[in-house]
N, C-alpha and C. Protein backbone atom coordinates (compact mmCIF):
# COMPACT_ATOMS: atom_id res chain seq x y z
N MET A 1 1.25 -1.18 0.23
CA MET A 1 0.06 0.30 -0.29
C MET A 1 0.97 1.20 0.00
N PRO A 2 0.89 2.02 -1.14
CA PRO A 2 1.33 3.34 -0.93
C PRO A 2 1.23 4.15 0.17
N ARG A 3 2.14 5.23 0.70
CA ARG A 3 1.69 5.90 1.86
C ARG A 3 1.85 7.78 1.37
N VAL A 4 0.94 8.05 1.72
CA VAL A 4 0.70 9.41 1.12
C VAL A 4 0.34 10.30 2.18
N ILE A 5 1.33 11.17 2.79
CA ILE A 5 0.89 12.04 4.14
C ILE A 5 0.66 11.64 4.90
N GLY A 6 1.12 10.23 5.27
CA GLY A 6 0.98 9.59 6.63
C GLY A 6 -0.46 8.40 6.74
N VAL A 7 -0.91 8.66 5.51
CA VAL A 7 -2.09 7.64 5.13
C VAL A 7 -1.80 6.41 4.11
N GLU A 8 -2.13 5.21 4.44
CA GLU A 8 -2.04 4.25 3.55
C GLU A 8 -3.27 4.21 2.42
N ILE A 9 -2.96 4.18 1.38
CA ILE A 9 -4.02 4.43 0.32
C ILE A 9 -3.86 2.46 -0.26
N PRO A 10 -5.09 2.60 -0.49
CA PRO A 10 -5.59 0.92 -1.11
C PRO A 10 -4.44 1.07 -2.66
N ASP A 11 -3.94 -0.07 -2.85
CA ASP A 11 -3.33 -0.20 -3.95
C ASP A 11 -4.86 -0.51 -5.47
N ASN A 12 -5.21 -1.29 -5.17
CA ASN A 12 -6.31 -2.14 -5.81
C ASN A 12 -6.89 -0.96 -6.50
N LYS A 13 -7.54 0.13 -5.81
CA LYS A 13 -8.39 1.26 -6.38
C LYS A 13 -7.77 2.10 -7.45
N ARG A 14 -8.49 2.91 -8.14
CA ARG A 14 -8.07 3.60 -9.20
C ARG A 14 -7.49 5.27 -8.15
N LEU A 15 -6.59 5.70 -8.73
CA LEU A 15 -5.80 6.79 -8.09
C LEU A 15 -6.97 7.59 -7.83
N GLU A 16 -7.80 8.34 -8.68
CA GLU A 16 -9.13 8.96 -7.99
C GLU A 16 -9.94 9.00 -6.89
N ILE A 17 -9.68 7.36 -6.54
CA ILE A 17 -10.69 7.11 -5.97
C ILE A 17 -9.75 6.90 -4.24
N ALA A 18 -8.81 6.39 -4.72
CA ALA A 18 -7.65 6.08 -3.63
C ALA A 18 -7.34 7.51 -3.03
N LEU A 19 -7.24 8.50 -3.80
CA LEU A 19 -6.79 9.26 -2.98
C LEU A 19 -7.68 10.17 -2.14
N THR A 20 -9.10 9.68 -1.80
CA THR A 20 -10.02 9.93 -1.08
C THR A 20 -9.87 9.63 0.29
N TYR A 21 -8.81 8.57 0.31
CA TYR A 21 -8.88 7.93 1.87
C TYR A 21 -8.16 9.39 2.89
N ILE A 22 -7.96 10.18 1.80
CA ILE A 22 -6.63 11.18 2.66
C ILE A 22 -8.05 12.56 2.97
N PHE A 23 -8.01 12.88 4.45
CA PHE A 23 -9.13 13.30 5.18
C PHE A 23 -8.80 14.33 4.11
N GLY A 24 -9.32 15.17 3.74
CA GLY A 24 -9.99 16.44 3.18
C GLY A 24 -10.00 16.84 1.84
N VAL A 25 -9.60 15.47 1.35
CA VAL A 25 -9.37 15.17 -0.31
C VAL A 25 -10.81 14.43 -0.98
N GLY A 26 -11.52 15.09 -1.50
CA GLY A 26 -13.00 14.02 -2.23
C GLY A 26 -12.41 13.97 -3.38
N ARG A 27 -13.73 13.56 -4.09
CA ARG A 27 -13.62 13.58 -5.70
C ARG A 27 -13.23 14.65 -5.95
N SER A 28 -14.16 15.70 -6.25
CA SER A 28 -13.39 17.23 -7.05
C SER A 28 -12.10 17.30 -6.72
N THR A 29 -11.38 17.17 -5.58
CA THR A 29 -9.88 17.65 -5.53
C THR A 29 -8.90 16.21 -5.86
N ALA A 30 -9.61 15.28 -5.65
CA ALA A 30 -9.00 14.61 -6.39
C ALA A 30 -8.71 14.35 -8.05
N HIS A 31 -9.51 15.16 -8.40
CA HIS A 31 -9.56 14.85 -10.18
C HIS A 31 -8.76 16.07 -10.40
N LYS A 32 -8.68 17.26 -9.75
CA LYS A 32 -8.01 18.37 -10.13
C LYS A 32 -6.35 18.10 -9.57
N VAL A 33 -6.29 17.33 -8.77
CA VAL A 33 -4.58 17.11 -8.35
C VAL A 33 -4.18 16.11 -9.94
N CYS A 34 -4.95 15.20 -9.86
CA CYS A 34 -4.24 14.06 -11.05
C CYS A 34 -4.36 15.01 -12.29
N ASP A 35 -4.86 15.57 -12.49
CA ASP A 35 -5.06 16.59 -13.98
C ASP A 35 -3.87 17.43 -13.96
N GLU A 36 -3.65 18.05 -12.82
CA GLU A 36 -3.04 19.01 -12.42
C GLU A 36 -1.18 18.34 -12.19
N LEU A 37 -1.01 17.04 -12.07
CA LEU A 37 0.35 16.19 -12.03
C LEU A 37 0.42 15.73 -13.14
N ASN A 38 -0.48 15.78 -14.33
CA ASN A 38 -0.53 14.36 -15.53
C ASN A 38 -0.64 13.10 -14.87
N LEU A 39 -1.28 12.84 -13.95
CA LEU A 39 -1.50 11.41 -13.97
C LEU A 39 -2.89 11.02 -14.06
N ASP A 40 -2.63 9.82 -14.60
CA ASP A 40 -3.92 8.93 -15.06
C ASP A 40 -4.80 8.74 -14.20
N ARG A 41 -6.18 8.93 -13.96
CA ARG A 41 -6.98 8.88 -13.00
C ARG A 41 -7.21 7.59 -12.76
N GLY A 42 -7.13 6.88 -13.97
CA GLY A 42 -7.80 5.48 -14.22
C GLY A 42 -6.49 4.19 -13.93
N MET A 43 -5.52 4.95 -13.59
CA MET A 43 -4.46 3.81 -12.78
C MET A 43 -4.65 3.81 -11.34
N LYS A 44 -4.08 2.22 -11.11
CA LYS A 44 -4.39 1.95 -9.90
C LYS A 44 -2.84 2.41 -9.09
N ALA A 45 -3.46 2.88 -7.91
CA ALA A 45 -2.34 3.05 -6.65
C ALA A 45 -1.39 2.78 -7.06
N ARG A 46 -1.36 1.10 -7.03
CA ARG A 46 -0.26 0.35 -6.66
C ARG A 46 0.92 0.64 -8.00
N ASP A 47 0.75 1.40 -9.06
CA ASP A 47 1.35 1.71 -9.75
C ASP A 47 2.25 2.72 -9.93
N LEU A 48 2.38 3.79 -9.23
CA LEU A 48 2.56 4.64 -8.79
C LEU A 48 4.15 4.82 -8.74
N ASN A 49 5.04 4.92 -8.80
CA ASN A 49 6.76 4.62 -8.52
C ASN A 49 6.64 5.91 -7.58
N GLU A 50 8.06 5.57 -7.09
CA GLU A 50 8.40 6.90 -5.70
C GLU A 50 8.58 8.24 -6.39
N GLU A 51 9.19 8.40 -7.47
CA GLU A 51 9.44 9.88 -7.64
C GLU A 51 7.41 10.95 -7.60
N GLN A 52 6.53 9.57 -8.50
CA GLN A 52 5.48 10.65 -8.35
C GLN A 52 4.37 10.21 -7.08
N LEU A 53 4.78 9.54 -6.12
CA LEU A 53 4.41 9.51 -4.65
C LEU A 53 4.86 10.95 -4.11
N THR A 54 6.21 11.41 -4.33
CA THR A 54 6.39 12.22 -3.45
C THR A 54 6.32 13.53 -3.99
N THR A 55 5.74 13.51 -5.48
CA THR A 55 5.38 14.80 -5.94
C THR A 55 4.19 14.89 -5.62
N LEU A 56 2.85 14.10 -5.79
CA LEU A 56 1.65 13.77 -5.33
C LEU A 56 1.56 14.34 -3.39
N ALA A 57 2.37 14.08 -2.71
CA ALA A 57 2.08 14.40 -1.09
C ALA A 57 2.84 15.62 -0.84
N GLY A 58 3.64 16.33 -1.89
CA GLY A 58 4.36 17.66 -1.95
C GLY A 58 3.43 18.48 -2.46
N TYR A 59 2.73 18.11 -3.42
CA TYR A 59 1.46 19.00 -4.45
C TYR A 59 0.28 19.21 -3.29
N ILE A 60 0.19 17.89 -2.57
CA ILE A 60 -1.41 18.13 -1.87
C ILE A 60 -1.10 19.05 -0.71
N GLN A 61 0.13 18.51 0.03
CA GLN A 61 0.26 19.55 1.40
C GLN A 61 0.39 21.07 0.54
N LYS A 62 1.39 21.54 -0.26
CA LYS A 62 1.18 22.74 -0.39
C LYS A 62 0.28 23.74 -0.84
N THR A 63 -0.86 23.03 -1.68
CA THR A 63 -1.78 23.51 -2.22
C THR A 63 -3.24 23.15 -1.25
N TYR A 64 -3.39 21.82 -0.28
CA TYR A 64 -4.31 21.93 0.03
C TYR A 64 -3.86 22.09 1.84
N SER A 65 -4.90 21.94 3.00
CA SER A 65 -4.71 21.85 4.11
C SER A 65 -5.96 20.11 4.41
N VAL A 66 -4.78 19.48 4.70
CA VAL A 66 -5.59 18.01 4.99
C VAL A 66 -4.69 17.20 5.90
N GLU A 67 -5.66 16.15 6.17
CA GLU A 67 -4.84 15.45 7.62
C GLU A 67 -5.08 16.33 8.63
N GLY A 68 -4.00 15.99 9.53
CA GLY A 68 -3.91 16.58 10.73
C GLY A 68 -3.92 18.24 10.87
N GLN A 69 -3.71 18.98 10.05
CA GLN A 69 -3.87 20.34 9.54
C GLN A 69 -5.25 20.62 9.88
N LEU A 70 -5.78 20.35 8.83
CA LEU A 70 -7.78 20.38 8.68
C LEU A 70 -8.11 19.97 9.79
N ARG A 71 -7.63 19.06 10.34
CA ARG A 71 -8.43 17.99 11.55
C ARG A 71 -8.15 19.35 12.68
N ARG A 72 -6.97 20.38 13.22
CA ARG A 72 -6.59 21.40 13.76
C ARG A 72 -7.48 22.55 13.44
N GLU A 73 -7.68 22.36 12.17
CA GLU A 73 -8.44 23.77 11.87
C GLU A 73 -9.85 23.93 12.37
N ILE A 74 -10.52 22.74 12.29
CA ILE A 74 -11.83 22.49 12.57
C ILE A 74 -12.10 22.62 13.80
N ALA A 75 -11.19 22.00 14.70
CA ALA A 75 -11.31 21.77 15.85
C ALA A 75 -11.19 23.04 16.41
N GLY A 76 -10.31 24.11 16.27
CA GLY A 76 -10.22 24.97 16.58
C GLY A 76 -11.42 26.22 16.23
N ASN A 77 -11.92 25.71 14.97
CA ASN A 77 -13.20 26.84 14.40
C ASN A 77 -14.44 26.63 15.74
N ILE A 78 -14.71 25.37 16.38
CA ILE A 78 -15.59 24.85 17.11
C ILE A 78 -14.90 25.34 18.31
N SER A 79 -14.25 25.02 18.63
CA SER A 79 -13.74 25.75 20.30
C SER A 79 -14.09 27.35 20.26
N ARG A 80 -13.69 27.83 19.10
CA ARG A 80 -13.72 29.15 19.29
C ARG A 80 -15.00 29.45 19.31
N LEU A 81 -16.17 28.91 18.47
CA LEU A 81 -17.48 29.33 18.90
C LEU A 81 -18.08 29.19 20.32
N ARG A 82 -17.47 28.04 20.48
CA ARG A 82 -17.79 27.47 22.05
C ARG A 82 -17.11 28.62 23.02
N ASP A 83 -16.46 29.18 23.05
CA ASP A 83 -15.77 30.19 23.64
C ASP A 83 -16.71 31.12 23.67
N ILE A 84 -17.35 31.76 22.21
CA ILE A 84 -17.80 32.97 22.51
C ILE A 84 -19.12 32.71 22.73
N ALA A 85 -19.48 31.72 22.81
CA ALA A 85 -20.68 31.63 23.37
C ALA A 85 -21.80 31.65 22.14
N CYS A 86 -21.86 31.42 20.82
CA CYS A 86 -22.77 32.08 19.99
C CYS A 86 -23.83 30.94 20.03
N TYR A 87 -24.52 30.55 19.41
CA TYR A 87 -25.67 29.92 19.16
C TYR A 87 -25.14 28.38 19.01
N ARG A 88 -24.67 28.27 17.73
CA ARG A 88 -23.70 27.49 17.23
C ARG A 88 -22.94 26.87 18.22
N GLY A 89 -22.07 27.61 18.67
CA GLY A 89 -21.02 27.25 20.26
C GLY A 89 -21.95 26.53 21.15
N LEU A 90 -23.01 26.97 21.65
CA LEU A 90 -23.99 26.55 22.54
C LEU A 90 -24.59 25.10 22.16
N ARG A 91 -25.05 24.90 20.76
CA ARG A 91 -25.27 23.46 20.07
C ARG A 91 -24.36 22.38 20.14
N HIS A 92 -23.09 23.07 19.86
CA HIS A 92 -21.84 21.92 19.67
C HIS A 92 -21.61 21.54 21.22
N ARG A 93 -22.04 22.44 22.16
CA ARG A 93 -21.45 22.32 23.79
C ARG A 93 -22.25 21.26 23.97
N ARG A 94 -23.54 21.42 23.72
CA ARG A 94 -24.69 20.50 24.33
C ARG A 94 -24.51 19.07 23.54
N GLY A 95 -24.00 19.12 22.23
CA GLY A 95 -24.13 17.97 21.47
C GLY A 95 -25.27 17.74 20.84
N LEU A 96 -26.08 18.65 20.05
CA LEU A 96 -27.01 18.63 19.77
C LEU A 96 -26.91 19.30 18.04
N PRO A 97 -28.01 19.22 16.93
CA PRO A 97 -27.75 19.57 15.83
C PRO A 97 -27.39 20.99 15.47
N VAL A 98 -26.08 21.53 14.75
CA VAL A 98 -26.00 22.76 14.90
C VAL A 98 -26.97 23.56 13.99
N ARG A 99 -26.88 22.82 12.54
CA ARG A 99 -27.67 23.43 11.66
C ARG A 99 -29.25 23.75 11.67
N GLY A 100 -29.88 23.92 12.48
CA GLY A 100 -31.15 24.03 12.30
C GLY A 100 -31.96 22.53 11.65
N GLN A 101 -31.37 21.52 12.43
CA GLN A 101 -32.28 20.74 11.88
C GLN A 101 -33.50 20.31 13.28
N ARG A 102 -34.35 19.71 12.92
CA ARG A 102 -35.27 19.26 14.03
C ARG A 102 -34.69 18.26 15.32
N THR A 103 -35.58 18.55 16.21
CA THR A 103 -35.17 17.45 17.66
C THR A 103 -36.19 16.80 18.17
N ARG A 104 -37.44 16.95 17.74
CA ARG A 104 -38.56 16.30 18.19
C ARG A 104 -38.49 14.68 18.08
N THR A 105 -37.93 14.87 17.03
CA THR A 105 -37.97 13.24 16.20
C THR A 105 -36.44 13.58 15.66
N ASN A 106 -35.89 12.53 15.00
CA ASN A 106 -34.29 12.31 14.13
C ASN A 106 -33.28 12.97 15.09
N ALA A 107 -32.83 12.84 15.87
CA ALA A 107 -31.79 13.85 15.75
C ALA A 107 -30.48 12.70 16.52
N ARG A 108 -30.94 11.38 16.32
CA ARG A 108 -29.95 10.17 16.98
C ARG A 108 -28.89 10.58 16.68
N THR A 109 -28.18 10.80 15.43
CA THR A 109 -26.55 10.71 15.37
C THR A 109 -26.27 11.76 16.40
N ARG A 110 -26.81 13.02 16.76
CA ARG A 110 -25.86 13.86 17.42
C ARG A 110 -26.15 13.59 19.02
N LYS A 111 -27.41 13.12 19.44
CA LYS A 111 -28.33 12.79 20.41
C LYS A 111 -27.86 11.80 21.28
N GLY A 112 -27.31 10.64 20.33
CA GLY A 112 -27.23 8.93 20.90
C GLY A 112 -28.28 8.07 21.09
N PRO A 113 -28.00 7.02 21.62
CA PRO A 113 -29.50 6.09 21.99
C PRO A 113 -30.30 6.95 22.98
N LYS A 114 -31.62 6.57 22.40
CA LYS A 114 -32.67 6.98 23.12
C LYS A 114 -32.53 6.95 24.96
N LYS A 115 -32.72 7.82 25.60
CA LYS A 115 -33.07 7.46 27.30
C LYS A 115 -34.54 7.84 27.58
N THR A 116 -34.79 6.65 27.96
CA THR A 116 -36.08 6.43 27.85
C THR A 116 -36.65 7.15 29.61
N VAL A 117 -37.60 8.16 29.26
CA VAL A 117 -38.25 8.65 30.41
C VAL A 117 -39.53 8.21 31.01
N ALA A 118 -39.39 7.73 32.43
CA ALA A 118 -40.74 7.21 32.99
C ALA A 118 -41.86 8.12 32.46
N GLY A 119 -42.94 7.67 32.13
CA GLY A 119 -44.17 8.75 31.63
C GLY A 119 -45.09 8.08 32.53
N LYS A 120 -46.27 8.78 32.34
CA LYS A 120 -47.49 8.71 33.52
C LYS A 120 -48.02 7.43 33.65
N LYS A 121 -48.40 6.96 34.50
CA LYS A 121 -49.11 5.95 35.26
C LYS A 121 -50.35 5.84 34.34
N SER A 122 -50.83 4.91 33.62
CA SER A 122 -52.17 4.37 32.82
C SER A 122 -53.08 4.46 34.05
N VAL A 123 -54.27 4.85 33.57
CA VAL A 123 -55.72 4.45 34.73
C VAL A 123 -55.55 2.83 34.53
N LYS A 124 -55.17 2.13 34.03
CA LYS A 124 -55.80 0.84 34.06
C LYS A 124 -54.86 0.17 35.34
N GLY A 125 -53.12 0.90 34.98
CA GLY A 125 -52.88 0.26 36.65
C GLY A 125 -53.06 1.05 37.66
N MET A 126 -53.86 2.18 37.86
CA MET A 126 -54.33 2.31 38.75
C MET A 126 -55.62 2.05 39.57
N LYS A 127 -56.23 1.15 39.01
CA LYS A 127 -57.57 0.17 39.56
C LYS A 127 -56.93 -1.14 40.23
């Protein structure tokens, strides 16, 4: 498996797909990188030689913020929102959806599994 910017990219996938395993590189960015470096998008990642790997890694790091740098940037943005206590920061702090989604139903990804609350006792149970 070739290693680019500290990430093992799969060798048996096409280069345009294999590059998306790098955090911060999607399909359109992978296409731009391949076109800029004159690499065939359809070639397998295992067919890259060492020179191509080093130019690929250098170009991606120079041009785009990826992996650790991007993760730190995102974490910094979220902590800034929390610190200034704006609405979005409060939603991040509470672990609720940030972008206006409904929470009465469906927010299980952010809220986690259901926490059942004991309801009212039924009329049948009181007799």
